[in-house]
Amino acid sequence: MPVNQLEKDTHSSDPSTRAWGIKTITDLCSHVSDIAPFLIDICKTGCCDRNPFVQQVSIFALIKIFNHHPEMLSDYI
């Protein structure tokens, strides 16, 4: 349930809300590995965002995913 709300936040019109949603889901991903594939799609969208802060948070999220679950990103490297 909370992940669904955070996913909705990543589609908000406010850039800081989008970045906050990505950052929070990333923090959850370090504790719950089932969220990692879901987060990769969100980060791909965030990397193409117009706002540089959202792009930065998305890139840091991908780095955190790689540190915790390198096998998840092996297809993209």
Protein backbone atom coordinates (compact mmCIF):
# COMPACT_ATOMS: atom_id res chain seq x y z
CA MET A 1 0.00 0.00 0.00
CA PRO A 2 2.66 2.62 0.85
CA VAL A 3 4.63 1.69 -2.25
CA ASN A 4 1.60 2.46 -4.41
CA GLN A 5 1.33 5.93 -2.89
CA LEU A 6 5.04 6.54 -3.38
CA GLU A 7 4.72 5.40 -6.99
CA LYS A 8 1.95 7.96 -7.46
CA ASP A 9 4.26 10.60 -5.99
CA THR A 10 6.79 9.87 -8.73
CA HIS A 11 4.21 11.10 -11.28
CA SER A 12 3.43 14.33 -9.43
CA SER A 13 3.66 17.71 -11.14
CA ASP A 14 5.96 18.97 -8.35
CA PRO A 15 9.63 18.02 -8.97
CA SER A 16 10.50 17.83 -5.27
CA THR A 17 7.61 15.41 -4.70
CA ARG A 18 8.82 13.24 -7.60
CA ALA A 19 12.36 13.22 -6.20
CA TRP A 20 11.11 12.49 -2.67
CA GLY A 21 9.08 9.52 -3.96
CA ILE A 22 12.08 8.06 -5.79
CA LYS A 23 14.37 8.57 -2.80
CA THR A 24 11.93 6.96 -0.38
CA ILE A 25 11.31 3.94 -2.60
CA THR A 26 15.09 3.55 -2.95
CA ASP A 27 15.49 3.51 0.82
CA LEU A 28 12.82 0.82 1.04
CA CYS A 29 14.58 -1.18 -1.67
CA SER A 30 17.64 -1.66 0.54
CA HIS A 31 15.41 -3.53 3.03
CA VAL A 32 12.95 -5.24 0.66
CA SER A 33 14.58 -6.71 -2.44
CA ASP A 34 11.26 -7.36 -4.22
CA ILE A 35 10.91 -3.64 -4.93
CA ALA A 36 14.16 -3.40 -6.93
CA PRO A 37 12.76 -4.38 -10.37
CA PHE A 38 9.87 -1.98 -9.85
CA LEU A 39 12.30 0.80 -8.91
CA ILE A 40 14.44 0.34 -12.02
CA ASP A 41 11.51 1.38 -14.25
CA ILE A 42 10.84 4.40 -12.05
CA CYS A 43 14.50 5.41 -12.20
CA LYS A 44 14.59 5.10 -15.99
CA THR A 45 11.70 7.55 -16.14
CA GLY A 46 13.37 9.80 -13.57
CA CYS A 47 16.63 9.92 -15.51
CA CYS A 48 14.73 11.43 -18.45
CA ASP A 49 12.91 13.97 -16.28
CA ARG A 50 13.09 17.68 -17.15
CA ASN A 51 14.18 18.63 -13.64
CA PRO A 52 17.89 18.14 -12.85
CA PHE A 53 17.18 17.37 -9.18
CA VAL A 54 14.90 14.46 -10.14
CA GLN A 55 17.57 13.23 -12.55
CA GLN A 56 20.19 13.39 -9.80
CA VAL A 57 18.04 11.48 -7.32
CA SER A 58 17.28 8.85 -9.98
CA ILE A 59 20.96 8.34 -10.75
CA PHE A 60 21.80 8.00 -7.07
CA ALA A 61 18.94 5.51 -6.76
CA LEU A 62 20.42 3.40 -9.56
CA ILE A 63 23.79 3.47 -7.80
CA LYS A 64 22.17 2.27 -4.57
CA ILE A 65 20.38 -0.52 -6.44
CA PHE A 66 23.66 -1.56 -8.00
CA ASN A 67 25.38 -1.62 -4.59
CA HIS A 68 22.64 -3.78 -3.03
CA HIS A 69 21.52 -5.87 -6.02
CA PRO A 70 24.11 -5.80 -8.86
CA GLU A 71 22.41 -8.72 -10.60
CA MET A 72 19.33 -6.54 -11.19
CA LEU A 73 21.27 -4.11 -13.37
CA SER A 74 23.48 -6.62 -15.20
CA ASP A 75 21.24 -6.35 -18.28
CA TYR A 76 21.74 -2.57 -18.45
CA ILE A 77 25.51 -2.45 -17.97
